[in-house]
């Protein structure tokens, strides 16, 4: 009897290609597993949401982990958040950064620790930290033009590519796929990933960010940071998410301008839309580059 069904009936009962791919991705994401939200984040959030947070207790919580404490002090002493005076202790770092940024900074530092079992990722973490710092610098320079706080740009820079380490161990071929995606000048980065392994790091990273309770605009920016349609407005996402994507991509480009290492093709695909989103012209870039180099002491 099935052979007499009309083509419309067949189509009505056949999952669309998009739905099939989306379902397959969800299944594979569950199999890979999203790292749970670290307990230190839960403890810190419980304290910071109180009417009268106990900074001494927060300092003790953070001091229990030498890596987190050192990372907090380093961030507090960065030129984007400090007031020119070196911060020597975790207590003073808390005062400099403020409660909201403390939570996000700890989340970024914890992210590194969660994936410490993934080998040969030193350059990845260094690049993520550098992009985060440069994004904060760009946001600070643009000020009200973009309306993105340096701390929000910094957080997004840390988490933007957090899906990449999740894919390294389950897919031994993923490093080759990444190399191919970086060289690709036409297809989107995520399209190359999907073609190679059936998943992409942006979707996976957004899921982690959601599970770790990052702001929705940050999660959306992570999910769509390789989508030109998101930048030019064809795909509807929050305007602040578009700005976060544009700032981080611009930050990465400025880093590449001053690097002798091999560059990706992402600016060629997304650069014009990034500049339009931030109301910048190519002629504005030399001054912005000089400002960020000076701020970073480069």
Protein backbone atom coordinates (compact mmCIF):
# COMPACT_ATOMS: atom_id res chain seq x y z
CA UNK A 1 0.00 0.00 0.00
CA UNK A 2 2.94 2.29 0.64
CA UNK A 3 3.84 2.32 -3.03
CA UNK A 4 0.58 4.18 -3.79
CA UNK A 5 1.29 7.08 -1.45
CA UNK A 6 1.54 10.46 -3.15
CA UNK A 7 4.80 12.37 -3.19
CA UNK A 8 3.26 14.90 -0.76
CA UNK A 9 2.47 12.10 1.69
CA UNK A 10 5.98 10.75 1.42
CA UNK A 11 7.48 14.17 2.02
CA UNK A 12 5.12 14.85 4.91
CA UNK A 13 6.35 11.72 6.67
CA UNK A 14 10.02 12.11 5.85
CA UNK A 15 12.19 14.12 8.27
CA UNK A 16 13.73 17.16 6.61
CA UNK A 17 17.47 17.13 6.05
CA UNK A 18 17.87 19.97 8.54
CA UNK A 19 15.86 18.16 11.23
CA UNK A 20 17.74 14.92 10.61
CA UNK A 21 21.08 16.70 10.97
CA UNK A 22 19.92 18.56 14.07
CA UNK A 23 18.71 15.35 15.72
CA UNK A 24 21.95 13.56 14.82
CA UNK A 25 23.96 16.41 16.32
CA UNK A 26 21.95 16.29 19.55
CA UNK A 27 22.53 12.55 19.86
CA UNK A 28 26.27 12.87 19.27
CA UNK A 29 26.51 15.80 21.69
CA UNK A 30 24.93 13.66 24.40
CA UNK A 31 27.39 10.88 23.66
CA UNK A 32 30.35 13.26 23.93
CA UNK A 33 29.01 14.76 27.15
CA UNK A 34 28.99 18.40 28.24
CA UNK A 35 31.30 18.97 31.25
CA UNK A 36 29.15 19.83 34.27
CA UNK A 37 29.28 23.25 35.84
CA UNK A 38 32.19 23.25 38.32
CA UNK A 39 31.18 23.22 41.98
CA UNK A 40 33.37 26.27 42.68
CA UNK A 41 31.10 28.30 40.38
CA UNK A 42 28.02 27.15 42.24
CA UNK A 43 29.58 28.05 45.60
CA UNK A 44 30.67 31.48 44.38
CA UNK A 45 27.30 32.23 42.83
CA UNK A 46 25.52 31.27 46.05
CA UNK A 47 27.61 33.83 47.88
CA UNK A 48 27.49 36.61 45.27
CA UNK A 49 23.69 36.51 45.01
CA UNK A 50 23.23 37.21 48.70
CA UNK A 51 22.06 40.67 49.78
CA UNK A 52 25.30 41.08 51.72
CA UNK A 53 28.02 38.91 50.12
CA UNK A 54 30.87 37.87 52.37
CA UNK A 55 34.07 38.88 50.55
CA UNK A 56 36.22 37.12 53.14
CA UNK A 57 34.43 33.83 52.47
CA UNK A 58 34.74 34.39 48.70
CA UNK A 59 38.47 35.00 49.06
CA UNK A 60 38.83 31.79 51.09
CA UNK A 61 36.90 29.81 48.46
CA UNK A 62 39.11 31.09 45.66
CA UNK A 63 42.32 30.71 47.65
CA UNK A 64 41.68 26.98 48.00
CA UNK A 65 42.70 26.62 44.36
CA UNK A 66 46.12 28.14 43.69
CA UNK A 67 45.51 28.21 39.93
CA UNK A 68 42.22 30.08 40.24
CA UNK A 69 43.65 32.54 42.76
CA UNK A 70 46.67 33.29 40.57
CA UNK A 71 44.45 33.66 37.51
CA UNK A 72 42.16 36.09 39.30
CA UNK A 73 45.06 38.27 40.39
CA UNK A 74 46.49 38.22 36.86
CA UNK A 75 43.18 39.37 35.37
CA UNK A 76 42.77 42.07 38.01
CA UNK A 77 46.22 43.40 37.11
CA UNK A 78 45.55 43.46 33.37
CA UNK A 79 45.41 46.95 31.81
CA UNK A 80 41.71 46.52 30.96
CA UNK A 81 40.44 46.19 34.52
CA UNK A 82 43.09 47.57 36.89
CA UNK A 83 43.43 51.16 38.07
CA UNK A 84 47.15 51.32 37.50
CA UNK A 85 48.03 49.88 40.91
CA UNK A 86 49.23 46.29 41.16
CA UNK A 87 46.87 43.97 43.04
CA UNK A 88 48.84 41.64 45.36
CA UNK A 89 46.05 39.55 46.93
CA UNK A 90 42.85 37.72 46.06
CA UNK A 91 40.89 40.02 48.40
CA UNK A 92 41.96 43.10 46.48
CA UNK A 93 41.35 41.32 43.18
CA UNK A 94 37.74 40.79 44.24
CA UNK A 95 37.34 44.49 44.94
CA UNK A 96 38.90 45.51 41.62
CA UNK A 97 36.91 43.11 39.47
CA UNK A 98 33.52 43.24 41.17
CA UNK A 99 31.20 40.31 41.79
CA UNK A 100 29.86 39.84 38.25
CA UNK A 101 33.27 39.74 36.65
CA UNK A 102 34.60 37.49 39.41
CA UNK A 103 32.04 34.81 38.54
CA UNK A 104 32.81 35.02 34.82
CA UNK A 105 36.56 35.09 35.32
CA UNK A 106 36.39 32.00 37.52
CA UNK A 107 34.24 30.32 34.85
CA UNK A 108 36.90 31.02 32.23
CA UNK A 109 39.71 29.77 34.44
CA UNK A 110 37.68 26.67 35.38
CA UNK A 111 37.11 25.99 31.69
CA UNK A 112 40.84 25.50 31.24
CA UNK A 113 41.00 23.13 34.19
CA UNK A 114 38.04 21.05 32.99
CA UNK A 115 39.92 20.22 29.78
CA UNK A 116 43.40 19.76 31.22
CA UNK A 117 43.23 16.09 30.16
CA UNK A 118 43.15 17.10 26.46
CA UNK A 119 46.79 16.95 25.25
CA UNK A 120 48.72 19.49 23.17
CA UNK A 121 46.33 22.38 23.78
CA UNK A 122 48.78 24.94 25.18
CA UNK A 123 48.71 27.14 22.08
CA UNK A 124 44.91 26.97 22.00
CA UNK A 125 44.57 28.24 25.57
CA UNK A 126 47.17 30.95 24.98
CA UNK A 127 45.33 32.08 21.86
CA UNK A 128 41.98 32.12 23.68
CA UNK A 129 43.42 34.22 26.50
CA UNK A 130 45.04 36.62 24.04
CA UNK A 131 41.82 37.00 22.07
CA UNK A 132 39.88 37.65 25.28
CA UNK A 133 42.34 40.34 26.38
CA UNK A 134 42.37 41.99 22.96
CA UNK A 135 38.57 41.86 22.76
CA UNK A 136 38.37 43.64 26.12
CA UNK A 137 40.77 46.26 24.81
CA UNK A 138 38.75 46.80 21.62
CA UNK A 139 35.52 47.08 23.63
CA UNK A 140 37.14 49.60 25.96
CA UNK A 141 38.34 51.72 23.04
CA UNK A 142 35.02 51.64 21.18
CA UNK A 143 33.15 52.56 24.35
CA UNK A 144 29.61 53.75 23.71
CA UNK A 145 29.90 53.13 19.96
CA UNK A 146 29.59 49.41 20.60
CA UNK A 147 28.10 49.55 24.08
CA UNK A 148 29.83 46.33 25.11
CA UNK A 149 31.63 46.30 28.45
CA UNK A 150 35.25 45.08 28.37
CA UNK A 151 34.41 42.34 30.87
CA UNK A 152 31.65 40.98 28.62
CA UNK A 153 33.96 40.98 25.60
CA UNK A 154 36.61 39.28 27.73
CA UNK A 155 34.23 36.52 28.84
CA UNK A 156 33.07 35.88 25.31
CA UNK A 157 36.66 35.70 24.09
CA UNK A 158 37.45 33.04 26.68
CA UNK A 159 34.42 30.90 25.85
CA UNK A 160 34.04 31.53 22.12
CA UNK A 161 35.88 28.38 21.03
CA UNK A 162 35.26 26.23 24.11
CA UNK A 163 33.67 23.54 21.92
CA UNK A 164 37.02 22.76 20.30
CA UNK A 165 38.64 20.84 23.21
CA UNK A 166 35.41 18.84 23.61
CA UNK A 167 35.89 17.43 20.11
CA UNK A 168 39.58 16.59 20.31
CA UNK A 169 39.47 13.25 22.11
CA UNK A 170 36.29 11.74 20.57
CA UNK A 171 37.45 12.56 17.03
CA UNK A 172 41.16 11.85 16.35
CA UNK A 173 40.72 13.30 12.86
CA UNK A 174 39.48 16.62 14.24
CA UNK A 175 42.87 18.36 14.13
CA UNK A 176 42.98 17.70 10.39
CA UNK A 177 39.43 19.03 10.04
CA UNK A 178 40.44 22.19 11.95
CA UNK A 179 43.40 22.76 9.64
CA UNK A 180 41.10 22.42 6.63
CA UNK A 181 38.53 24.80 8.15
CA UNK A 182 41.22 27.43 8.79
CA UNK A 183 42.32 27.29 5.15
CA UNK A 184 38.80 27.39 3.71
CA UNK A 185 38.06 30.70 1.99
CA UNK A 186 34.45 30.15 0.89
CA UNK A 187 32.55 27.71 3.12
CA UNK A 188 31.90 28.70 6.71
CA UNK A 189 34.21 27.26 9.35
CA UNK A 190 31.39 25.26 10.91
CA UNK A 191 30.28 23.87 7.55
CA UNK A 192 33.72 22.32 7.10
CA UNK A 193 33.49 20.80 10.59
CA UNK A 194 30.05 19.36 9.91
CA UNK A 195 31.25 17.89 6.65
CA UNK A 196 34.21 16.29 8.41
CA UNK A 197 32.76 14.98 11.69
CA UNK A 198 29.04 15.78 11.67
CA UNK A 199 29.37 18.30 14.51
CA UNK A 200 30.67 21.83 14.97
CA UNK A 201 32.41 23.47 17.89
CA UNK A 202 30.11 26.51 17.94
CA UNK A 203 26.95 24.54 18.71
CA UNK A 204 28.76 22.40 21.25
CA UNK A 205 30.34 25.43 22.92
CA UNK A 206 26.99 27.22 23.14
CA UNK A 207 25.52 24.21 24.91
CA UNK A 208 28.33 24.25 27.46
CA UNK A 209 27.86 28.01 27.99
CA UNK A 210 24.13 27.50 28.55
CA UNK A 211 24.77 24.67 31.02
CA UNK A 212 27.25 26.89 32.86
CA UNK A 213 24.61 29.65 33.03
CA UNK A 214 26.44 32.29 30.99
CA UNK A 215 24.27 35.20 29.80
CA UNK A 216 21.96 34.39 26.88
CA UNK A 217 23.56 37.00 24.61
CA UNK A 218 26.95 35.33 25.18
CA UNK A 219 25.53 31.88 24.44
CA UNK A 220 23.96 33.14 21.21
CA UNK A 221 27.22 34.77 20.18
CA UNK A 222 29.12 31.51 20.77
CA UNK A 223 26.56 29.56 18.74
CA UNK A 224 26.75 31.90 15.74
CA UNK A 225 30.28 33.32 15.78
CA UNK A 226 31.11 31.81 12.38
CA UNK A 227 27.77 32.75 10.77
CA UNK A 228 27.93 35.68 8.40
CA UNK A 229 24.12 35.78 8.43
CA UNK A 230 24.20 36.51 12.14
CA UNK A 231 26.54 39.45 11.63
CA UNK A 232 24.68 41.08 8.75
CA UNK A 233 21.25 40.67 10.34
CA UNK A 234 19.87 38.04 7.96
CA UNK A 235 19.69 35.70 10.94
CA UNK A 236 17.94 37.26 13.91
CA UNK A 237 19.99 37.22 17.09
CA UNK A 238 20.35 39.88 19.82
CA UNK A 239 22.22 42.96 18.66
CA UNK A 240 24.65 42.64 21.57
CA UNK A 241 25.43 39.09 20.45
CA UNK A 242 26.34 40.42 16.99
CA UNK A 243 28.58 43.03 18.58
CA UNK A 244 30.34 40.44 20.72
CA UNK A 245 31.03 38.33 17.62
CA UNK A 246 32.32 41.35 15.71
CA UNK A 247 34.56 42.58 18.54
CA UNK A 248 36.18 39.18 19.10
CA UNK A 249 36.71 38.61 15.37
CA UNK A 250 38.26 42.06 15.05
CA UNK A 251 40.45 41.33 18.08
CA UNK A 252 41.65 38.10 16.48
CA UNK A 253 42.42 39.96 13.25
CA UNK A 254 44.45 42.62 15.09
CA UNK A 255 46.44 39.86 16.78
CA UNK A 256 47.10 38.23 13.41
CA UNK A 257 48.30 41.53 11.96
CA UNK A 258 51.14 41.51 14.47
CA UNK A 259 51.91 37.81 14.31
CA UNK A 260 54.26 35.82 12.12
CA UNK A 261 52.18 32.68 12.57
CA UNK A 262 49.88 31.30 9.89
CA UNK A 263 46.57 33.15 9.72
CA UNK A 264 43.04 31.87 9.19
CA UNK A 265 40.68 33.07 6.47
CA UNK A 266 37.93 34.16 8.86
CA UNK A 267 38.53 37.91 8.49
CA UNK A 268 38.25 37.59 4.73
CA UNK A 269 34.84 35.97 5.15
CA UNK A 270 33.51 38.03 8.07
CA UNK A 271 35.59 41.19 8.28
CA UNK A 272 33.41 43.54 6.25
CA UNK A 273 30.31 42.59 8.23
CA UNK A 274 32.22 42.94 11.52
CA UNK A 275 33.25 46.48 10.64
CA UNK A 276 29.73 47.38 9.54
CA UNK A 277 28.30 46.01 12.78
CA UNK A 278 30.72 48.14 14.82
CA UNK A 279 30.29 51.22 12.59
CA UNK A 280 33.97 51.18 11.64
CA UNK A 281 35.87 51.69 8.39
CA UNK A 282 39.09 49.94 7.36
CA UNK A 283 40.83 53.29 7.84
CA UNK A 284 39.98 53.15 11.55
CA UNK A 285 41.99 49.98 12.11
CA UNK A 286 45.55 51.38 12.30
CA UNK A 287 44.61 53.71 15.16
CA UNK A 288 42.72 50.94 16.95
CA UNK A 289 45.67 48.60 16.49
CA UNK A 290 48.05 51.20 17.90
CA UNK A 291 45.80 51.82 20.90
CA UNK A 292 45.56 48.11 21.74
CA UNK A 293 49.29 47.54 21.26
CA UNK A 294 50.01 50.42 23.63
CA UNK A 295 47.48 49.19 26.20
CA UNK A 296 48.95 45.70 26.15
CA UNK A 297 52.49 47.01 26.34
CA UNK A 298 53.34 45.46 22.97
